[in-house]
């Protein structure tokens, strides 16, 4: 299926958000996820089903000052 990941079209095979993150190489990364504009907690990623055309935003925390 095709989804947008941070505004870039990607082909994803996995049916869930968790499997898509694995496929995209974010297995160990500490990130925040939003699907179609709604925050998805890490504990729910395995149960969130992706659909063709979904928009996924991935955000990594940054330190600085």
PDB file of N, CA and C in Angstrom:
ATOM      1  N   UNK A   1       0.842  -1.175   0.000  1.00  0.00           N
ATOM      2  CA  UNK A   1       0.000   0.000   0.000  1.00  0.00           C
ATOM      3  C   UNK A   1       0.884   1.233   0.000  1.00  0.00           C
ATOM      4  N   UNK A   2       0.357   2.325  -0.454  1.00  0.00           N
ATOM      5  CA  UNK A   2       1.083   3.589  -0.482  1.00  0.00           C
ATOM      6  C   UNK A   2       0.561   4.490   0.638  1.00  0.00           C
ATOM      7  N   UNK A   3       1.495   5.000   1.438  1.00  0.00           N
ATOM      8  CA  UNK A   3       1.166   5.972   2.470  1.00  0.00           C
ATOM      9  C   UNK A   3       2.165   7.120   2.366  1.00  0.00           C
ATOM     10  N   UNK A   4       1.831   8.236   2.982  1.00  0.00           N
ATOM     11  CA  UNK A   4       2.761   9.365   3.060  1.00  0.00           C
ATOM     12  C   UNK A   4       3.463   9.303   4.409  1.00  0.00           C
ATOM     13  N   UNK A   5       4.783   9.328   4.388  1.00  0.00           N
ATOM     14  CA  UNK A   5       5.584   9.342   5.608  1.00  0.00           C
ATOM     15  C   UNK A   5       6.351  10.650   5.611  1.00  0.00           C
ATOM     16  N   UNK A   6       5.989  11.529   6.531  1.00  0.00           N
ATOM     17  CA  UNK A   6       6.572  12.876   6.577  1.00  0.00           C
ATOM     18  C   UNK A   6       6.524  13.529   5.195  1.00  0.00           C
ATOM     19  N   UNK A   7       5.366  13.447   4.578  1.00  0.00           N
ATOM     20  CA  UNK A   7       5.050  14.058   3.279  1.00  0.00           C
ATOM     21  C   UNK A   7       5.746  13.397   2.091  1.00  0.00           C
ATOM     22  N   UNK A   8       6.353  12.238   2.291  1.00  0.00           N
ATOM     23  CA  UNK A   8       7.011  11.509   1.199  1.00  0.00           C
ATOM     24  C   UNK A   8       6.259  10.195   0.963  1.00  0.00           C
ATOM     25  N   UNK A   9       5.876   9.933  -0.285  1.00  0.00           N
ATOM     26  CA  UNK A   9       5.147   8.706  -0.581  1.00  0.00           C
ATOM     27  C   UNK A   9       6.061   7.494  -0.423  1.00  0.00           C
ATOM     28  N   UNK A  10       5.554   6.489   0.293  1.00  0.00           N
ATOM     29  CA  UNK A  10       6.309   5.248   0.521  1.00  0.00           C
ATOM     30  C   UNK A  10       5.393   4.054   0.296  1.00  0.00           C
ATOM     31  N   UNK A  11       5.969   2.954  -0.175  1.00  0.00           N
ATOM     32  CA  UNK A  11       5.254   1.689  -0.300  1.00  0.00           C
ATOM     33  C   UNK A  11       5.509   0.881   0.957  1.00  0.00           C
ATOM     34  N   UNK A  12       4.440   0.434   1.592  1.00  0.00           N
ATOM     35  CA  UNK A  12       4.526  -0.313   2.837  1.00  0.00           C
ATOM     36  C   UNK A  12       3.807  -1.643   2.663  1.00  0.00           C
ATOM     37  N   UNK A  13       4.425  -2.722   3.122  1.00  0.00           N
ATOM     38  CA  UNK A  13       3.792  -4.035   3.033  1.00  0.00           C
ATOM     39  C   UNK A  13       3.015  -4.369   4.302  1.00  0.00           C
ATOM     40  N   UNK A  14       3.547  -3.943   5.454  1.00  0.00           N
ATOM     41  CA  UNK A  14       2.948  -4.307   6.741  1.00  0.00           C
ATOM     42  C   UNK A  14       1.584  -3.691   6.970  1.00  0.00           C
ATOM     43  N   UNK A  15       0.701  -4.434   7.626  1.00  0.00           N
ATOM     44  CA  UNK A  15      -0.659  -3.939   7.831  1.00  0.00           C
ATOM     45  C   UNK A  15      -0.831  -2.979   9.015  1.00  0.00           C
ATOM     46  N   UNK A  16       0.129  -3.014   9.967  1.00  0.00           N
ATOM     47  CA  UNK A  16      -0.034  -2.182  11.155  1.00  0.00           C
ATOM     48  C   UNK A  16       1.032  -1.093  11.217  1.00  0.00           C
ATOM     49  N   UNK A  17       0.785  -0.128  12.067  1.00  0.00           N
ATOM     50  CA  UNK A  17       1.762   0.940  12.269  1.00  0.00           C
ATOM     51  C   UNK A  17       3.074   0.374  12.788  1.00  0.00           C
ATOM     52  N   UNK A  18       3.032  -0.586  13.697  1.00  0.00           N
ATOM     53  CA  UNK A  18       4.254  -1.184  14.250  1.00  0.00           C
ATOM     54  C   UNK A  18       5.070  -1.876  13.167  1.00  0.00           C
ATOM     55  N   UNK A  19       4.426  -2.652  12.298  1.00  0.00           N
ATOM     56  CA  UNK A  19       5.168  -3.343  11.246  1.00  0.00           C
ATOM     57  C   UNK A  19       5.709  -2.352  10.219  1.00  0.00           C
ATOM     58  N   UNK A  20       4.979  -1.281   9.958  1.00  0.00           N
ATOM     59  CA  UNK A  20       5.461  -0.255   9.035  1.00  0.00           C
ATOM     60  C   UNK A  20       6.705   0.429   9.601  1.00  0.00           C
ATOM     61  N   UNK A  21       6.712   0.722  10.889  1.00  0.00           N
ATOM     62  CA  UNK A  21       7.886   1.342  11.505  1.00  0.00           C
ATOM     63  C   UNK A  21       9.088   0.418  11.424  1.00  0.00           C
ATOM     64  N   UNK A  22       8.886  -0.877  11.625  1.00  0.00           N
ATOM     65  CA  UNK A  22       9.975  -1.848  11.465  1.00  0.00           C
ATOM     66  C   UNK A  22      10.489  -1.816  10.027  1.00  0.00           C
ATOM     67  N   UNK A  23       9.568  -1.838   9.085  1.00  0.00           N
ATOM     68  CA  UNK A  23       9.926  -1.838   7.670  1.00  0.00           C
ATOM     69  C   UNK A  23      10.697  -0.574   7.274  1.00  0.00           C
ATOM     70  N   UNK A  24      10.354   0.535   7.888  1.00  0.00           N
ATOM     71  CA  UNK A  24      11.008   1.807   7.591  1.00  0.00           C
ATOM     72  C   UNK A  24      12.322   1.993   8.349  1.00  0.00           C
ATOM     73  N   UNK A  25      12.662   1.045   9.230  1.00  0.00           N
ATOM     74  CA  UNK A  25      13.925   1.108   9.955  1.00  0.00           C
ATOM     75  C   UNK A  25      13.869   1.853  11.273  1.00  0.00           C
ATOM     76  N   UNK A  26      12.687   2.016  11.846  1.00  0.00           N
ATOM     77  CA  UNK A  26      12.540   2.726  13.117  1.00  0.00           C
ATOM     78  C   UNK A  26      12.315   1.770  14.279  1.00  0.00           C
ATOM     79  N   UNK A  27      12.980   0.624  14.272  1.00  0.00           N
ATOM     80  CA  UNK A  27      12.739  -0.383  15.303  1.00  0.00           C
ATOM     81  C   UNK A  27      13.232   0.052  16.681  1.00  0.00           C
ATOM     82  N   UNK A  28      14.349   0.729  16.753  1.00  0.00           N
ATOM     83  CA  UNK A  28      14.916   1.117  18.046  1.00  0.00           C
ATOM     84  C   UNK A  28      14.821   2.614  18.323  1.00  0.00           C
ATOM     85  N   UNK A  29      14.303   3.343  17.391  1.00  0.00           N
ATOM     86  CA  UNK A  29      14.259   4.804  17.536  1.00  0.00           C
ATOM     87  C   UNK A  29      13.188   5.239  18.526  1.00  0.00           C
ATOM     88  N   UNK A  30      13.508   6.276  19.278  1.00  0.00           N
ATOM     89  CA  UNK A  30      12.522   6.910  20.151  1.00  0.00           C
ATOM     90  C   UNK A  30      11.875   8.011  19.325  1.00  0.00           C
ATOM     91  N   UNK A  31      10.616   7.793  18.952  1.00  0.00           N
ATOM     92  CA  UNK A  31       9.909   8.740  18.096  1.00  0.00           C
ATOM     93  C   UNK A  31       8.480   8.893  18.571  1.00  0.00           C
ATOM     94  N   UNK A  32       7.879   9.989  18.166  1.00  0.00           N
ATOM     95  CA  UNK A  32       6.440  10.190  18.341  1.00  0.00           C
ATOM     96  C   UNK A  32       5.796   9.939  16.984  1.00  0.00           C
ATOM     97  N   UNK A  33       4.605   9.365  17.006  1.00  0.00           N
ATOM     98  CA  UNK A  33       3.907   9.057  15.758  1.00  0.00           C
ATOM     99  C   UNK A  33       2.537   9.712  15.744  1.00  0.00           C
ATOM    100  N   UNK A  34       2.175  10.205  14.570  1.00  0.00           N
ATOM    101  CA  UNK A  34       0.829  10.738  14.350  1.00  0.00           C
ATOM    102  C   UNK A  34       0.325  10.152  13.040  1.00  0.00           C
ATOM    103  N   UNK A  35      -0.878   9.627  13.059  1.00  0.00           N
ATOM    104  CA  UNK A  35      -1.485   9.056  11.872  1.00  0.00           C
ATOM    105  C   UNK A  35      -2.706   9.885  11.517  1.00  0.00           C
ATOM    106  N   UNK A  36      -2.681  10.452  10.314  1.00  0.00           N
ATOM    107  CA  UNK A  36      -3.764  11.313   9.843  1.00  0.00           C
ATOM    108  C   UNK A  36      -4.070  12.428  10.837  1.00  0.00           C
ATOM    109  N   UNK A  37      -2.980  12.992  11.405  1.00  0.00           N
ATOM    110  CA  UNK A  37      -3.126  14.139  12.302  1.00  0.00           C
ATOM    111  C   UNK A  37      -3.450  13.803  13.741  1.00  0.00           C
ATOM    112  N   UNK A  38      -3.500  12.520  14.097  1.00  0.00           N
ATOM    113  CA  UNK A  38      -3.823  12.125  15.474  1.00  0.00           C
ATOM    114  C   UNK A  38      -2.655  11.370  16.081  1.00  0.00           C
ATOM    115  N   UNK A  39      -2.254  11.787  17.272  1.00  0.00           N
ATOM    116  CA  UNK A  39      -1.163  11.148  17.996  1.00  0.00           C
ATOM    117  C   UNK A  39      -1.487   9.677  18.267  1.00  0.00           C
ATOM    118  N   UNK A  40      -0.489   8.802  18.070  1.00  0.00           N
ATOM    119  CA  UNK A  40      -0.641   7.379  18.375  1.00  0.00           C
ATOM    120  C   UNK A  40       0.420   7.001  19.402  1.00  0.00           C
ATOM    121  N   UNK A  41       0.005   6.638  20.626  1.00  0.00           N
ATOM    122  CA  UNK A  41       0.983   6.234  21.639  1.00  0.00           C
ATOM    123  C   UNK A  41       1.713   4.957  21.225  1.00  0.00           C
ATOM    124  N   UNK A  42       2.953   4.802  21.670  1.00  0.00           N
ATOM    125  CA  UNK A  42       3.759   3.631  21.311  1.00  0.00           C
ATOM    126  C   UNK A  42       3.050   2.327  21.670  1.00  0.00           C
ATOM    127  N   UNK A  43       2.361   2.284  22.778  1.00  0.00           N
ATOM    128  CA  UNK A  43       1.704   1.046  23.220  1.00  0.00           C
ATOM    129  C   UNK A  43       0.561   0.612  22.297  1.00  0.00           C
ATOM    130  N   UNK A  44       0.071   1.509  21.432  1.00  0.00           N
ATOM    131  CA  UNK A  44      -1.051   1.183  20.537  1.00  0.00           C
ATOM    132  C   UNK A  44      -0.622   0.908  19.098  1.00  0.00           C
ATOM    133  N   UNK A  45       0.640   1.068  18.781  1.00  0.00           N
ATOM    134  CA  UNK A  45       1.097   0.954  17.385  1.00  0.00           C
ATOM    135  C   UNK A  45       0.825  -0.415  16.770  1.00  0.00           C
ATOM    136  N   UNK A  46       0.890  -1.478  17.553  1.00  0.00           N
ATOM    137  CA  UNK A  46       0.667  -2.830  17.022  1.00  0.00           C
ATOM    138  C   UNK A  46      -0.792  -3.076  16.642  1.00  0.00           C
ATOM    139  N   UNK A  47      -1.707  -2.290  17.188  1.00  0.00           N
ATOM    140  CA  UNK A  47      -3.126  -2.503  16.898  1.00  0.00           C
ATOM    141  C   UNK A  47      -3.715  -1.515  15.886  1.00  0.00           C
ATOM    142  N   UNK A  48      -2.931  -0.527  15.483  1.00  0.00           N
ATOM    143  CA  UNK A  48      -3.406   0.481  14.525  1.00  0.00           C
ATOM    144  C   UNK A  48      -3.175  -0.027  13.100  1.00  0.00           C
ATOM    145  N   UNK A  49      -4.260  -0.242  12.373  1.00  0.00           N
ATOM    146  CA  UNK A  49      -4.216  -0.747  11.004  1.00  0.00           C
ATOM    147  C   UNK A  49      -4.046   0.429  10.036  1.00  0.00           C
ATOM    148  N   UNK A  50      -3.090   0.276   9.115  1.00  0.00           N
ATOM    149  CA  UNK A  50      -2.864   1.303   8.097  1.00  0.00           C
ATOM    150  C   UNK A  50      -3.733   1.032   6.874  1.00  0.00           C
ATOM    151  N   UNK A  51      -4.097   2.105   6.191  1.00  0.00           N
ATOM    152  CA  UNK A  51      -4.878   2.014   4.957  1.00  0.00           C
ATOM    153  C   UNK A  51      -4.179   2.820   3.861  1.00  0.00           C
ATOM    154  N   UNK A  52      -4.377   2.402   2.646  1.00  0.00           N
ATOM    155  CA  UNK A  52      -3.799   3.094   1.510  1.00  0.00           C
ATOM    156  C   UNK A  52      -4.137   4.583   1.577  1.00  0.00           C
ATOM    157  N   UNK A  53      -3.136   5.431   1.419  1.00  0.00           N
ATOM    158  CA  UNK A  53      -3.346   6.873   1.436  1.00  0.00           C
ATOM    159  C   UNK A  53      -3.213   7.523   2.799  1.00  0.00           C
ATOM    160  N   UNK A  54      -2.991   6.734   3.870  1.00  0.00           N
ATOM    161  CA  UNK A  54      -2.811   7.322   5.201  1.00  0.00           C
ATOM    162  C   UNK A  54      -1.601   8.250   5.217  1.00  0.00           C
ATOM    163  N   UNK A  55      -1.633   9.200   6.149  1.00  0.00           N
ATOM    164  CA  UNK A  55      -0.533  10.148   6.321  1.00  0.00           C
ATOM    165  C   UNK A  55       0.088   9.924   7.694  1.00  0.00           C
ATOM    166  N   UNK A  56       1.349   9.532   7.683  1.00  0.00           N
ATOM    167  CA  UNK A  56       2.080   9.234   8.910  1.00  0.00           C
ATOM    168  C   UNK A  56       3.153  10.290   9.120  1.00  0.00           C
ATOM    169  N   UNK A  57       3.181  10.848  10.318  1.00  0.00           N
ATOM    170  CA  UNK A  57       4.220  11.811  10.692  1.00  0.00           C
ATOM    171  C   UNK A  57       5.065  11.191  11.793  1.00  0.00           C
ATOM    172  N   UNK A  58       6.374  11.241  11.634  1.00  0.00           N
ATOM    173  CA  UNK A  58       7.319  10.716  12.606  1.00  0.00           C
ATOM    174  C   UNK A  58       8.166  11.872  13.119  1.00  0.00           C
ATOM    175  N   UNK A  59       8.221  12.008  14.436  1.00  0.00           N
ATOM    176  CA  UNK A  59       8.955  13.101  15.050  1.00  0.00           C
ATOM    177  C   UNK A  59       9.920  12.553  16.087  1.00  0.00           C
ATOM    178  N   UNK A  60      11.176  12.960  16.008  1.00  0.00           N
ATOM    179  CA  UNK A  60      12.187  12.555  16.975  1.00  0.00           C
ATOM    180  C   UNK A  60      12.416  13.702  17.952  1.00  0.00           C
ATOM    181  N   UNK A  61      12.500  13.376  19.257  1.00  0.00           N
ATOM    182  CA  UNK A  61      12.768  14.438  20.230  1.00  0.00           C
ATOM    183  C   UNK A  61      14.191  14.970  20.048  1.00  0.00           C
ATOM    184  N   UNK A  62      14.340  16.256  20.321  1.00  0.00           N
ATOM    185  CA  UNK A  62      15.657  16.901  20.190  1.00  0.00           C
ATOM    186  C   UNK A  62      15.979  17.630  21.466  1.00  0.00           C
ATOM    187  N   UNK A  63      17.254  17.628  21.827  1.00  0.00           N
ATOM    188  CA  UNK A  63      17.703  18.390  22.982  1.00  0.00           C
ATOM    189  C   UNK A  63      18.465  19.598  22.501  1.00  0.00           C
ATOM    190  N   UNK A  64      18.461  20.575  23.291  1.00  0.00           N
ATOM    191  CA  UNK A  64      19.206  21.761  22.921  1.00  0.00           C
ATOM    192  C   UNK A  64      18.855  22.915  23.830  1.00  0.00           C
ATOM    193  N   UNK A  65      19.436  23.991  23.559  1.00  0.00           N
ATOM    194  CA  UNK A  65      19.117  25.083  24.447  1.00  0.00           C
ATOM    195  C   UNK A  65      19.643  26.310  23.943  1.00  0.00           C
TER     196      UNK A  65
END
